[in-house]
Amino acid sequence: MKDLRVRVVGLVALGLVVLLGAAGCSTVPVTGRKQLTLLSAGEEMQLGLTSFEQLKKETPISKDPALNALVQRVGKRIAQVAGPDMPNAQWEFVVFDSKEAHDIYQTHPRHVQFIEENK
């Protein structure tokens, strides 16, 4: 009897996990693949913007005009291609003069950052 109860509770728990996992899934428009969504697009955007503003305050920004011009040109092209799939994106391209910035900011995939290696 106890063994049956454990099995039933286990199956119910597994069913709830599968149900909640399926409820948190969405389809990626570009690829058509399913993804687990833990944050809404708005929450993700706000988290990224907040982190990016903090990173800009704490991390030196490159003063290399040629590198900045290159990054702006490439960034604008990326924004043009990605724009239709991300209509509410706020695009800004910055070259950080820090190797550490890449590791710090890697958690926010909707933001693009370019890192200049220290010479």
Protein backbone atom coordinates (compact mmCIF):
# COMPACT_ATOMS: atom_id res chain seq x y z
CA MET A 1 0.00 0.00 0.00
CA LYS A 2 2.80 2.40 0.95
CA ASP A 3 4.67 1.48 -2.24
CA LEU A 4 1.60 2.29 -4.34
CA ARG A 5 1.20 5.65 -2.60
CA VAL A 6 4.84 6.54 -3.32
CA ARG A 7 4.38 5.61 -6.98
CA VAL A 8 1.21 7.68 -7.31
CA VAL A 9 2.80 10.71 -5.64
CA GLY A 10 5.86 10.32 -7.87
CA LEU A 11 3.75 10.14 -11.02
CA VAL A 12 1.68 13.16 -9.99
CA ALA A 13 4.87 15.13 -9.24
CA LEU A 14 6.36 14.12 -12.60
CA GLY A 15 3.14 15.13 -14.35
CA LEU A 16 3.20 18.55 -12.68
CA VAL A 17 6.83 19.10 -13.69
CA VAL A 18 6.06 18.19 -17.31
CA LEU A 19 2.95 20.37 -17.32
CA LEU A 20 4.75 23.37 -15.84
CA GLY A 21 7.66 22.88 -18.24
CA ALA A 22 5.32 22.79 -21.22
CA ALA A 23 3.51 25.90 -19.99
CA GLY A 24 6.82 27.77 -19.86
CA CYS A 25 7.72 26.89 -23.45
CA SER A 26 7.48 29.20 -26.41
CA THR A 27 8.49 29.01 -30.05
CA VAL A 28 11.49 30.97 -31.33
CA PRO A 29 10.16 32.92 -34.35
CA VAL A 30 13.33 32.69 -36.44
CA THR A 31 14.10 28.99 -35.98
CA GLY A 32 10.69 27.57 -35.11
CA ARG A 33 12.27 25.65 -32.22
CA LYS A 34 10.76 25.38 -28.75
CA GLN A 35 12.49 27.08 -25.83
CA LEU A 36 11.91 27.18 -22.08
CA THR A 37 10.89 30.72 -21.13
CA LEU A 38 11.62 31.71 -17.54
CA LEU A 39 11.30 35.47 -18.12
CA SER A 40 8.94 37.40 -20.33
CA ALA A 41 10.51 39.33 -23.21
CA GLY A 42 9.84 42.57 -21.31
CA GLU A 43 11.48 41.27 -18.13
CA GLU A 44 14.46 40.02 -20.10
CA MET A 45 14.82 43.37 -21.89
CA GLN A 46 14.63 45.33 -18.63
CA LEU A 47 17.20 43.07 -16.96
CA GLY A 48 19.53 43.50 -19.93
CA LEU A 49 19.11 47.29 -20.02
CA THR A 50 19.76 47.63 -16.30
CA SER A 51 22.87 45.46 -16.48
CA PHE A 52 24.13 47.25 -19.58
CA GLU A 53 23.77 50.69 -17.96
CA GLN A 54 25.66 49.46 -14.90
CA LEU A 55 28.39 47.96 -17.09
CA LYS A 56 28.79 51.27 -18.96
CA LYS A 57 29.22 53.12 -15.65
CA GLU A 58 31.79 50.68 -14.27
CA THR A 59 33.79 49.68 -17.35
CA PRO A 60 36.11 51.84 -19.44
CA ILE A 61 34.84 52.50 -22.96
CA SER A 62 37.29 52.42 -25.86
CA LYS A 63 38.35 55.74 -27.34
CA ASP A 64 39.71 54.16 -30.54
CA PRO A 65 37.81 56.01 -33.34
CA ALA A 66 38.54 53.40 -36.02
CA LEU A 67 37.40 50.51 -33.84
CA ASN A 68 34.28 52.37 -32.71
CA ALA A 69 33.39 53.25 -36.31
CA LEU A 70 33.79 49.61 -37.35
CA VAL A 71 31.61 48.39 -34.50
CA GLN A 72 28.91 50.98 -35.28
CA ARG A 73 28.82 49.91 -38.96
CA VAL A 74 28.62 46.21 -38.11
CA GLY A 75 26.12 46.85 -35.32
CA LYS A 76 23.78 48.79 -37.60
CA ARG A 77 23.82 45.92 -40.07
CA ILE A 78 23.00 43.44 -37.33
CA ALA A 79 20.15 45.67 -36.12
CA GLN A 80 18.72 45.93 -39.66
CA VAL A 81 18.65 42.16 -40.08
CA ALA A 82 17.40 41.38 -36.56
CA GLY A 83 15.02 44.34 -36.35
CA PRO A 84 11.90 42.68 -37.80
CA ASP A 85 12.19 39.83 -35.28
CA MET A 86 12.91 42.20 -32.38
CA PRO A 87 10.74 45.28 -33.01
CA ASN A 88 11.05 46.64 -29.46
CA ALA A 89 14.83 46.23 -29.17
CA GLN A 90 16.84 49.28 -28.19
CA TRP A 91 20.11 48.97 -30.08
CA GLU A 92 23.31 50.49 -28.76
CA PHE A 93 26.82 49.39 -29.65
CA VAL A 94 29.74 50.05 -27.32
CA VAL A 95 33.35 48.91 -27.38
CA PHE A 96 34.53 48.19 -23.84
CA ASP A 97 38.23 48.46 -23.10
CA SER A 98 38.16 45.45 -20.80
CA LYS A 99 38.61 41.71 -21.17
CA GLU A 100 36.48 41.11 -18.09
CA ALA A 101 33.43 42.85 -19.57
CA HIS A 102 32.79 39.92 -21.90
CA ASP A 103 32.48 37.45 -19.02
CA ILE A 104 30.37 39.82 -16.93
CA TYR A 105 27.89 40.61 -19.69
CA GLN A 106 27.58 37.21 -21.32
CA THR A 107 24.41 36.47 -19.33
CA HIS A 108 22.20 38.76 -21.48
CA PRO A 109 21.97 37.27 -24.97
CA ARG A 110 19.73 39.97 -26.47
CA HIS A 111 22.47 42.52 -26.10
CA VAL A 112 25.47 42.69 -28.35
CA GLN A 113 28.79 43.79 -27.00
CA PHE A 114 32.16 44.16 -28.60
CA ILE A 115 35.27 43.91 -26.46
CA GLU A 116 38.59 45.50 -27.31
CA GLU A 117 41.49 43.42 -26.06
CA ASN A 118 43.91 45.25 -23.80
CA LYS A 119 47.17 45.81 -25.63
